[in-house]
Amino acid sequence: MENIMFSKISEFLTGGEKAVETSRNTVINLAEAETNTEYVIKEIKTDDEELKKFLFTLGCYEGETVTLISILAENYVINVKDSRYSIDKNLAEAIII
């Protein structure tokens, strides 16, 4: 019930645009996400500073929205800030939503 109410309030505040916020107890990464669904990035989870910097240059950072467009042979097509990128599974697994 709490998640439904949060979703409705979030939808109202954003003017109908709906970004999925995963449950606080559930940690999933972008590799486990559903296609054509907008998510909010909660963190970039990796010890590789170069990987973090690369994702930051794409616009992937905490609080930003990301949409998984499609998955093609372990390549993940994502939409961030009105731009599309193809990232591999390792990068998708580092993006916690």
PDB file of N, CA and C in Angstrom:
ATOM      1  N   MET A   1       0.821  -1.193   0.000  1.00  0.00           N
ATOM      2  CA  MET A   1       0.000   0.000   0.000  1.00  0.00           C
ATOM      3  C   MET A   1       0.866   1.259   0.000  1.00  0.00           C
ATOM      4  N   GLU A   2       1.945   1.239   0.806  1.00  0.00           N
ATOM      5  CA  GLU A   2       2.827   2.395   0.896  1.00  0.00           C
ATOM      6  C   GLU A   2       3.457   2.716  -0.458  1.00  0.00           C
ATOM      7  N   ASN A   3       3.896   1.667  -1.191  1.00  0.00           N
ATOM      8  CA  ASN A   3       4.514   1.885  -2.496  1.00  0.00           C
ATOM      9  C   ASN A   3       3.524   2.450  -3.504  1.00  0.00           C
ATOM     10  N   ILE A   4       2.265   2.009  -3.439  1.00  0.00           N
ATOM     11  CA  ILE A   4       1.238   2.516  -4.349  1.00  0.00           C
ATOM     12  C   ILE A   4       0.996   3.991  -4.075  1.00  0.00           C
ATOM     13  N   MET A   5       0.892   4.351  -2.793  1.00  0.00           N
ATOM     14  CA  MET A   5       0.668   5.745  -2.422  1.00  0.00           C
ATOM     15  C   MET A   5       1.853   6.605  -2.843  1.00  0.00           C
ATOM     16  N   PHE A   6       3.085   6.119  -2.609  1.00  0.00           N
ATOM     17  CA  PHE A   6       4.270   6.858  -3.010  1.00  0.00           C
ATOM     18  C   PHE A   6       4.280   7.069  -4.520  1.00  0.00           C
ATOM     19  N   SER A   7       3.903   6.027  -5.268  1.00  0.00           N
ATOM     20  CA  SER A   7       3.866   6.114  -6.721  1.00  0.00           C
ATOM     21  C   SER A   7       2.869   7.170  -7.185  1.00  0.00           C
ATOM     22  N   LYS A   8       1.695   7.203  -6.567  1.00  0.00           N
ATOM     23  CA  LYS A   8       0.671   8.183  -6.943  1.00  0.00           C
ATOM     24  C   LYS A   8       1.123   9.602  -6.613  1.00  0.00           C
ATOM     25  N   ILE A   9       1.725   9.797  -5.448  1.00  0.00           N
ATOM     26  CA  ILE A   9       2.222  11.125  -5.069  1.00  0.00           C
ATOM     27  C   ILE A   9       3.328  11.553  -6.017  1.00  0.00           C
ATOM     28  N   SER A  10       4.252  10.633  -6.315  1.00  0.00           N
ATOM     29  CA  SER A  10       5.348  10.932  -7.230  1.00  0.00           C
ATOM     30  C   SER A  10       4.811  11.306  -8.610  1.00  0.00           C
ATOM     31  N   GLU A  11       3.798  10.572  -9.082  1.00  0.00           N
ATOM     32  CA  GLU A  11       3.194  10.853 -10.385  1.00  0.00           C
ATOM     33  C   GLU A  11       2.546  12.234 -10.385  1.00  0.00           C
ATOM     34  N   PHE A  12       1.868  12.584  -9.300  1.00  0.00           N
ATOM     35  CA  PHE A  12       1.224  13.891  -9.193  1.00  0.00           C
ATOM     36  C   PHE A  12       2.265  15.012  -9.207  1.00  0.00           C
ATOM     37  N   LEU A  13       3.330  14.852  -8.440  1.00  0.00           N
ATOM     38  CA  LEU A  13       4.347  15.895  -8.324  1.00  0.00           C
ATOM     39  C   LEU A  13       5.129  16.098  -9.615  1.00  0.00           C
ATOM     40  N   THR A  14       5.263  15.058 -10.416  1.00  0.00           N
ATOM     41  CA  THR A  14       6.015  15.180 -11.662  1.00  0.00           C
ATOM     42  C   THR A  14       5.123  15.478 -12.848  1.00  0.00           C
ATOM     43  N   GLY A  15       3.857  15.771 -12.598  1.00  0.00           N
ATOM     44  CA  GLY A  15       2.951  16.122 -13.692  1.00  0.00           C
ATOM     45  C   GLY A  15       2.582  14.948 -14.564  1.00  0.00           C
ATOM     46  N   GLY A  16       2.533  13.762 -14.004  1.00  0.00           N
ATOM     47  CA  GLY A  16       2.118  12.595 -14.777  1.00  0.00           C
ATOM     48  C   GLY A  16       3.269  11.752 -15.273  1.00  0.00           C
ATOM     49  N   GLU A  17       4.490  12.317 -15.308  1.00  0.00           N
ATOM     50  CA  GLU A  17       5.629  11.508 -15.708  1.00  0.00           C
ATOM     51  C   GLU A  17       5.909  10.531 -14.585  1.00  0.00           C
ATOM     52  N   LYS A  18       6.151   9.291 -14.958  1.00  0.00           N
ATOM     53  CA  LYS A  18       6.277   8.262 -13.940  1.00  0.00           C
ATOM     54  C   LYS A  18       7.630   7.574 -14.039  1.00  0.00           C
ATOM     55  N   ALA A  19       8.428   7.713 -13.005  1.00  0.00           N
ATOM     56  CA  ALA A  19       9.686   6.990 -12.893  1.00  0.00           C
ATOM     57  C   ALA A  19       9.511   5.954 -11.796  1.00  0.00           C
ATOM     58  N   VAL A  20       9.941   4.745 -12.052  1.00  0.00           N
ATOM     59  CA  VAL A  20       9.767   3.678 -11.077  1.00  0.00           C
ATOM     60  C   VAL A  20      10.852   3.787 -10.020  1.00  0.00           C
ATOM     61  N   GLU A  21      10.425   3.821  -8.770  1.00  0.00           N
ATOM     62  CA  GLU A  21      11.353   3.779  -7.646  1.00  0.00           C
ATOM     63  C   GLU A  21      11.211   2.387  -7.053  1.00  0.00           C
ATOM     64  N   THR A  22      12.303   1.633  -7.015  1.00  0.00           N
ATOM     65  CA  THR A  22      12.225   0.287  -6.476  1.00  0.00           C
ATOM     66  C   THR A  22      12.088   0.338  -4.966  1.00  0.00           C
ATOM     67  N   SER A  23      11.580  -0.727  -4.391  1.00  0.00           N
ATOM     68  CA  SER A  23      11.385  -0.818  -2.947  1.00  0.00           C
ATOM     69  C   SER A  23      12.704  -0.609  -2.219  1.00  0.00           C
ATOM     70  N   ARG A  24      12.643  -0.030  -1.054  1.00  0.00           N
ATOM     71  CA  ARG A  24      13.854   0.245  -0.279  1.00  0.00           C
ATOM     72  C   ARG A  24      14.596  -1.033   0.100  1.00  0.00           C
ATOM     73  N   ASN A  25      13.893  -2.131   0.244  1.00  0.00           N
ATOM     74  CA  ASN A  25      14.512  -3.392   0.636  1.00  0.00           C
ATOM     75  C   ASN A  25      15.068  -4.159  -0.554  1.00  0.00           C
ATOM     76  N   THR A  26      14.676  -3.807  -1.749  1.00  0.00           N
ATOM     77  CA  THR A  26      15.092  -4.509  -2.948  1.00  0.00           C
ATOM     78  C   THR A  26      16.174  -3.712  -3.659  1.00  0.00           C
ATOM     79  N   VAL A  27      17.320  -4.340  -3.843  1.00  0.00           N
ATOM     80  CA  VAL A  27      18.393  -3.698  -4.593  1.00  0.00           C
ATOM     81  C   VAL A  27      18.494  -4.418  -5.918  1.00  0.00           C
ATOM     82  N   ILE A  28      18.205  -3.698  -6.988  1.00  0.00           N
ATOM     83  CA  ILE A  28      18.375  -4.291  -8.311  1.00  0.00           C
ATOM     84  C   ILE A  28      19.264  -3.376  -9.139  1.00  0.00           C
ATOM     85  N   ASN A  29      19.896  -3.975 -10.102  1.00  0.00           N
ATOM     86  CA  ASN A  29      20.721  -3.177 -11.002  1.00  0.00           C
ATOM     87  C   ASN A  29      20.032  -3.092 -12.356  1.00  0.00           C
ATOM     88  N   LEU A  30      20.582  -2.294 -13.220  1.00  0.00           N
ATOM     89  CA  LEU A  30      19.953  -2.053 -14.515  1.00  0.00           C
ATOM     90  C   LEU A  30      19.883  -3.320 -15.367  1.00  0.00           C
ATOM     91  N   ALA A  31      20.798  -4.263 -15.137  1.00  0.00           N
ATOM     92  CA  ALA A  31      20.779  -5.522 -15.891  1.00  0.00           C
ATOM     93  C   ALA A  31      19.553  -6.367 -15.550  1.00  0.00           C
ATOM     94  N   GLU A  32      18.921  -6.108 -14.397  1.00  0.00           N
ATOM     95  CA  GLU A  32      17.738  -6.853 -13.971  1.00  0.00           C
ATOM     96  C   GLU A  32      16.445  -6.088 -14.239  1.00  0.00           C
ATOM     97  N   ALA A  33      16.536  -4.934 -14.853  1.00  0.00           N
ATOM     98  CA  ALA A  33      15.377  -4.059 -15.046  1.00  0.00           C
ATOM     99  C   ALA A  33      14.495  -4.524 -16.202  1.00  0.00           C
ATOM    100  N   GLU A  34      13.282  -4.001 -16.213  1.00  0.00           N
ATOM    101  CA  GLU A  34      12.350  -4.255 -17.307  1.00  0.00           C
ATOM    102  C   GLU A  34      12.572  -3.214 -18.397  1.00  0.00           C
ATOM    103  N   THR A  35      12.398  -3.621 -19.644  1.00  0.00           N
ATOM    104  CA  THR A  35      12.571  -2.687 -20.749  1.00  0.00           C
ATOM    105  C   THR A  35      11.414  -1.692 -20.796  1.00  0.00           C
ATOM    106  N   ASN A  36      11.682  -0.559 -21.403  1.00  0.00           N
ATOM    107  CA  ASN A  36      10.712   0.529 -21.585  1.00  0.00           C
ATOM    108  C   ASN A  36      10.121   1.031 -20.269  1.00  0.00           C
ATOM    109  N   THR A  37      10.939   1.010 -19.221  1.00  0.00           N
ATOM    110  CA  THR A  37      10.524   1.516 -17.921  1.00  0.00           C
ATOM    111  C   THR A  37      11.573   2.505 -17.446  1.00  0.00           C
ATOM    112  N   GLU A  38      11.110   3.629 -16.936  1.00  0.00           N
ATOM    113  CA  GLU A  38      12.020   4.659 -16.439  1.00  0.00           C
ATOM    114  C   GLU A  38      12.318   4.403 -14.968  1.00  0.00           C
ATOM    115  N   TYR A  39      13.590   4.456 -14.598  1.00  0.00           N
ATOM    116  CA  TYR A  39      14.031   4.225 -13.227  1.00  0.00           C
ATOM    117  C   TYR A  39      14.856   5.412 -12.741  1.00  0.00           C
ATOM    118  N   VAL A  40      14.964   5.528 -11.436  1.00  0.00           N
ATOM    119  CA  VAL A  40      15.824   6.533 -10.823  1.00  0.00           C
ATOM    120  C   VAL A  40      17.086   5.824 -10.349  1.00  0.00           C
ATOM    121  N   ILE A  41      18.240   6.367 -10.708  1.00  0.00           N
ATOM    122  CA  ILE A  41      19.511   5.774 -10.293  1.00  0.00           C
ATOM    123  C   ILE A  41      19.735   6.080  -8.817  1.00  0.00           C
ATOM    124  N   LYS A  42      19.958   5.028  -8.029  1.00  0.00           N
ATOM    125  CA  LYS A  42      20.203   5.204  -6.597  1.00  0.00           C
ATOM    126  C   LYS A  42      21.684   5.314  -6.292  1.00  0.00           C
ATOM    127  N   GLU A  43      22.517   4.584  -7.039  1.00  0.00           N
ATOM    128  CA  GLU A  43      23.963   4.688  -6.853  1.00  0.00           C
ATOM    129  C   GLU A  43      24.680   3.979  -7.990  1.00  0.00           C
ATOM    130  N   ILE A  44      25.946   4.299  -8.128  1.00  0.00           N
ATOM    131  CA  ILE A  44      26.826   3.579  -9.043  1.00  0.00           C
ATOM    132  C   ILE A  44      27.718   2.736  -8.145  1.00  0.00           C
ATOM    133  N   LYS A  45      27.556   1.429  -8.226  1.00  0.00           N
ATOM    134  CA  LYS A  45      28.235   0.533  -7.286  1.00  0.00           C
ATOM    135  C   LYS A  45      29.374  -0.195  -7.982  1.00  0.00           C
ATOM    136  N   THR A  46      30.561   0.366  -7.851  1.00  0.00           N
ATOM    137  CA  THR A  46      31.770  -0.251  -8.380  1.00  0.00           C
ATOM    138  C   THR A  46      32.974   0.373  -7.683  1.00  0.00           C
ATOM    139  N   ASP A  47      34.040  -0.390  -7.596  1.00  0.00           N
ATOM    140  CA  ASP A  47      35.286   0.130  -7.028  1.00  0.00           C
ATOM    141  C   ASP A  47      36.176   0.731  -8.108  1.00  0.00           C
ATOM    142  N   ASP A  48      35.806   0.550  -9.355  1.00  0.00           N
ATOM    143  CA  ASP A  48      36.588   1.039 -10.491  1.00  0.00           C
ATOM    144  C   ASP A  48      36.271   2.515 -10.737  1.00  0.00           C
ATOM    145  N   GLU A  49      37.193   3.386 -10.374  1.00  0.00           N
ATOM    146  CA  GLU A  49      36.980   4.829 -10.525  1.00  0.00           C
ATOM    147  C   GLU A  49      36.840   5.238 -11.990  1.00  0.00           C
ATOM    148  N   GLU A  50      37.552   4.565 -12.872  1.00  0.00           N
ATOM    149  CA  GLU A  50      37.458   4.881 -14.304  1.00  0.00           C
ATOM    150  C   GLU A  50      36.053   4.585 -14.830  1.00  0.00           C
ATOM    151  N   LEU A  51      35.479   3.477 -14.382  1.00  0.00           N
ATOM    152  CA  LEU A  51      34.122   3.113 -14.779  1.00  0.00           C
ATOM    153  C   LEU A  51      33.125   4.142 -14.257  1.00  0.00           C
ATOM    154  N   LYS A  52      33.287   4.571 -13.002  1.00  0.00           N
ATOM    155  CA  LYS A  52      32.407   5.594 -12.429  1.00  0.00           C
ATOM    156  C   LYS A  52      32.479   6.888 -13.231  1.00  0.00           C
ATOM    157  N   LYS A  53      33.688   7.299 -13.578  1.00  0.00           N
ATOM    158  CA  LYS A  53      33.864   8.533 -14.354  1.00  0.00           C
ATOM    159  C   LYS A  53      33.210   8.414 -15.726  1.00  0.00           C
ATOM    160  N   PHE A  54      33.357   7.249 -16.355  1.00  0.00           N
ATOM    161  CA  PHE A  54      32.753   7.045 -17.669  1.00  0.00           C
ATOM    162  C   PHE A  54      31.235   7.152 -17.589  1.00  0.00           C
ATOM    163  N   LEU A  55      30.633   6.468 -16.613  1.00  0.00           N
ATOM    164  CA  LEU A  55      29.179   6.537 -16.459  1.00  0.00           C
ATOM    165  C   LEU A  55      28.726   7.959 -16.149  1.00  0.00           C
ATOM    166  N   PHE A  56      29.521   8.689 -15.376  1.00  0.00           N
ATOM    167  CA  PHE A  56      29.187  10.078 -15.068  1.00  0.00           C
ATOM    168  C   PHE A  56      29.177  10.927 -16.342  1.00  0.00           C
ATOM    169  N   THR A  57      30.103  10.673 -17.263  1.00  0.00           N
ATOM    170  CA  THR A  57      30.128  11.437 -18.519  1.00  0.00           C
ATOM    171  C   THR A  57      28.895  11.155 -19.372  1.00  0.00           C
ATOM    172  N   LEU A  58      28.286   9.972 -19.182  1.00  0.00           N
ATOM    173  CA  LEU A  58      27.046   9.647 -19.901  1.00  0.00           C
ATOM    174  C   LEU A  58      25.822  10.269 -19.239  1.00  0.00           C
ATOM    175  N   GLY A  59      25.993  10.755 -18.006  1.00  0.00           N
ATOM    176  CA  GLY A  59      24.867  11.316 -17.262  1.00  0.00           C
ATOM    177  C   GLY A  59      24.277  10.344 -16.265  1.00  0.00           C
ATOM    178  N   CYS A  60      24.960   9.229 -16.035  1.00  0.00           N
ATOM    179  CA  CYS A  60      24.491   8.224 -15.078  1.00  0.00           C
ATOM    180  C   CYS A  60      25.069   8.521 -13.704  1.00  0.00           C
ATOM    181  N   TYR A  61      24.267   9.146 -12.864  1.00  0.00           N
ATOM    182  CA  TYR A  61      24.674   9.424 -11.490  1.00  0.00           C
ATOM    183  C   TYR A  61      23.438   9.438 -10.607  1.00  0.00           C
ATOM    184  N   GLU A  62      23.644   9.399  -9.313  1.00  0.00           N
ATOM    185  CA  GLU A  62      22.562   9.296  -8.338  1.00  0.00           C
ATOM    186  C   GLU A  62      21.510  10.382  -8.534  1.00  0.00           C
ATOM    187  N   GLY A  63      20.249   9.956  -8.575  1.00  0.00           N
ATOM    188  CA  GLY A  63      19.130  10.881  -8.722  1.00  0.00           C
ATOM    189  C   GLY A  63      18.677  11.099 -10.156  1.00  0.00           C
ATOM    190  N   GLU A  64      19.478  10.712 -11.121  1.00  0.00           N
ATOM    191  CA  GLU A  64      19.133  10.880 -12.539  1.00  0.00           C
ATOM    192  C   GLU A  64      18.225   9.732 -12.976  1.00  0.00           C
ATOM    193  N   THR A  65      17.369   9.996 -13.953  1.00  0.00           N
ATOM    194  CA  THR A  65      16.503   8.940 -14.474  1.00  0.00           C
ATOM    195  C   THR A  65      17.172   8.248 -15.661  1.00  0.00           C
ATOM    196  N   VAL A  66      16.891   6.967 -15.786  1.00  0.00           N
ATOM    197  CA  VAL A  66      17.432   6.155 -16.867  1.00  0.00           C
ATOM    198  C   VAL A  66      16.330   5.208 -17.333  1.00  0.00           C
ATOM    199  N   THR A  67      16.249   5.000 -18.639  1.00  0.00           N
ATOM    200  CA  THR A  67      15.275   4.075 -19.211  1.00  0.00           C
ATOM    201  C   THR A  67      16.020   2.988 -19.965  1.00  0.00           C
ATOM    202  N   LEU A  68      15.692   1.737 -19.667  1.00  0.00           N
ATOM    203  CA  LEU A  68      16.249   0.614 -20.412  1.00  0.00           C
ATOM    204  C   LEU A  68      15.384   0.418 -21.652  1.00  0.00           C
ATOM    205  N   ILE A  69      15.943   0.682 -22.816  1.00  0.00           N
ATOM    206  CA  ILE A  69      15.203   0.598 -24.076  1.00  0.00           C
ATOM    207  C   ILE A  69      15.128  -0.845 -24.574  1.00  0.00           C
ATOM    208  N   SER A  70      16.282  -1.516 -24.636  1.00  0.00           N
ATOM    209  CA  SER A  70      16.297  -2.902 -25.108  1.00  0.00           C
ATOM    210  C   SER A  70      17.575  -3.598 -24.675  1.00  0.00           C
ATOM    211  N   ILE A  71      17.555  -4.920 -24.798  1.00  0.00           N
ATOM    212  CA  ILE A  71      18.726  -5.745 -24.510  1.00  0.00           C
ATOM    213  C   ILE A  71      18.992  -6.581 -25.754  1.00  0.00           C
ATOM    214  N   LEU A  72      20.185  -6.432 -26.308  1.00  0.00           N
ATOM    215  CA  LEU A  72      20.565  -7.162 -27.518  1.00  0.00           C
ATOM    216  C   LEU A  72      21.924  -7.817 -27.291  1.00  0.00           C
ATOM    217  N   ALA A  73      21.942  -9.134 -27.140  1.00  0.00           N
ATOM    218  CA  ALA A  73      23.180  -9.901 -26.979  1.00  0.00           C
ATOM    219  C   ALA A  73      24.092  -9.315 -25.899  1.00  0.00           C
ATOM    220  N   GLU A  74      23.571  -9.148 -24.705  1.00  0.00           N
ATOM    221  CA  GLU A  74      24.278  -8.599 -23.550  1.00  0.00           C
ATOM    222  C   GLU A  74      24.736  -7.153 -23.739  1.00  0.00           C
ATOM    223  N   ASN A  75      24.143  -6.456 -24.676  1.00  0.00           N
ATOM    224  CA  ASN A  75      24.318  -5.012 -24.813  1.00  0.00           C
ATOM    225  C   ASN A  75      23.009  -4.360 -24.406  1.00  0.00           C
ATOM    226  N   TYR A  76      23.102  -3.394 -23.531  1.00  0.00           N
ATOM    227  CA  TYR A  76      21.925  -2.740 -22.967  1.00  0.00           C
ATOM    228  C   TYR A  76      21.808  -1.345 -23.564  1.00  0.00           C
ATOM    229  N   VAL A  77      20.723  -1.096 -24.277  1.00  0.00           N
ATOM    230  CA  VAL A  77      20.480   0.218 -24.862  1.00  0.00           C
ATOM    231  C   VAL A  77      19.682   1.016 -23.836  1.00  0.00           C
ATOM    232  N   ILE A  78      20.279   2.141 -23.402  1.00  0.00           N
ATOM    233  CA  ILE A  78      19.648   2.956 -22.368  1.00  0.00           C
ATOM    234  C   ILE A  78      19.423   4.371 -22.871  1.00  0.00           C
ATOM    235  N   ASN A  79      18.487   5.050 -22.245  1.00  0.00           N
ATOM    236  CA  ASN A  79      18.207   6.450 -22.542  1.00  0.00           C
ATOM    237  C   ASN A  79      18.473   7.243 -21.265  1.00  0.00           C
ATOM    238  N   VAL A  80      19.399   8.198 -21.359  1.00  0.00           N
ATOM    239  CA  VAL A  80      19.731   9.079 -20.243  1.00  0.00           C
ATOM    240  C   VAL A  80      19.777  10.500 -20.783  1.00  0.00           C
ATOM    241  N   LYS A  81      19.018  11.393 -20.185  1.00  0.00           N
ATOM    242  CA  LYS A  81      19.012  12.806 -20.590  1.00  0.00           C
ATOM    243  C   LYS A  81      18.798  12.974 -22.095  1.00  0.00           C
ATOM    244  N   ASP A  82      17.798  12.331 -22.638  1.00  0.00           N
ATOM    245  CA  ASP A  82      17.434  12.427 -24.057  1.00  0.00           C
ATOM    246  C   ASP A  82      18.522  11.938 -25.011  1.00  0.00           C
ATOM    247  N   SER A  83      19.429  11.095 -24.533  1.00  0.00           N
ATOM    248  CA  SER A  83      20.452  10.490 -25.385  1.00  0.00           C
ATOM    249  C   SER A  83      20.421   8.983 -25.195  1.00  0.00           C
ATOM    250  N   ARG A  84      20.710   8.255 -26.263  1.00  0.00           N
ATOM    251  CA  ARG A  84      20.740   6.791 -26.191  1.00  0.00           C
ATOM    252  C   ARG A  84      22.182   6.308 -26.236  1.00  0.00           C
ATOM    253  N   TYR A  85      22.444   5.301 -25.399  1.00  0.00           N
ATOM    254  CA  TYR A  85      23.771   4.697 -25.335  1.00  0.00           C
ATOM    255  C   TYR A  85      23.621   3.188 -25.294  1.00  0.00           C
ATOM    256  N   SER A  86      24.640   2.495 -25.769  1.00  0.00           N
ATOM    257  CA  SER A  86      24.703   1.048 -25.649  1.00  0.00           C
ATOM    258  C   SER A  86      25.831   0.733 -24.676  1.00  0.00           C
ATOM    259  N   ILE A  87      25.493   0.034 -23.589  1.00  0.00           N
ATOM    260  CA  ILE A  87      26.496  -0.318 -22.587  1.00  0.00           C
ATOM    261  C   ILE A  87      26.514  -1.834 -22.423  1.00  0.00           C
ATOM    262  N   ASP A  88      27.636  -2.365 -21.940  1.00  0.00           N
ATOM    263  CA  ASP A  88      27.713  -3.813 -21.744  1.00  0.00           C
ATOM    264  C   ASP A  88      27.131  -4.207 -20.387  1.00  0.00           C
ATOM    265  N   LYS A  89      27.083  -5.501 -20.145  1.00  0.00           N
ATOM    266  CA  LYS A  89      26.445  -6.019 -18.936  1.00  0.00           C
ATOM    267  C   LYS A  89      27.163  -5.556 -17.675  1.00  0.00           C
ATOM    268  N   ASN A  90      28.496  -5.468 -17.704  1.00  0.00           N
ATOM    269  CA  ASN A  90      29.242  -5.019 -16.524  1.00  0.00           C
ATOM    270  C   ASN A  90      28.842  -3.610 -16.118  1.00  0.00           C
ATOM    271  N   LEU A  91      28.679  -2.727 -17.086  1.00  0.00           N
ATOM    272  CA  LEU A  91      28.245  -1.360 -16.785  1.00  0.00           C
ATOM    273  C   LEU A  91      26.810  -1.353 -16.270  1.00  0.00           C
ATOM    274  N   ALA A  92      25.942  -2.149 -16.885  1.00  0.00           N
ATOM    275  CA  ALA A  92      24.541  -2.206 -16.456  1.00  0.00           C
ATOM    276  C   ALA A  92      24.427  -2.719 -15.024  1.00  0.00           C
ATOM    277  N   GLU A  93      25.282  -3.663 -14.652  1.00  0.00           N
ATOM    278  CA  GLU A  93      25.249  -4.205 -13.296  1.00  0.00           C
ATOM    279  C   GLU A  93      25.751  -3.207 -12.259  1.00  0.00           C
ATOM    280  N   ALA A  94      26.533  -2.233 -12.666  1.00  0.00           N
ATOM    281  CA  ALA A  94      27.056  -1.225 -11.736  1.00  0.00           C
ATOM    282  C   ALA A  94      26.027  -0.144 -11.423  1.00  0.00           C
ATOM    283  N   ILE A  95      24.994  -0.020 -12.256  1.00  0.00           N
ATOM    284  CA  ILE A  95      23.972   1.019 -12.064  1.00  0.00           C
ATOM    285  C   ILE A  95      22.857   0.449 -11.197  1.00  0.00           C
ATOM    286  N   ILE A  96      22.795   0.906  -9.946  1.00  0.00           N
ATOM    287  CA  ILE A  96      21.782   0.439  -8.995  1.00  0.00           C
ATOM    288  C   ILE A  96      20.573   1.358  -9.088  1.00  0.00           C
ATOM    289  N   ILE A  97      19.395   0.742  -9.252  1.00  0.00           N
ATOM    290  CA  ILE A  97      18.158   1.518  -9.408  1.00  0.00           C
ATOM    291  C   ILE A  97      17.179   1.200  -8.296  1.00  0.00           C
TER     292      ILE A  97
END
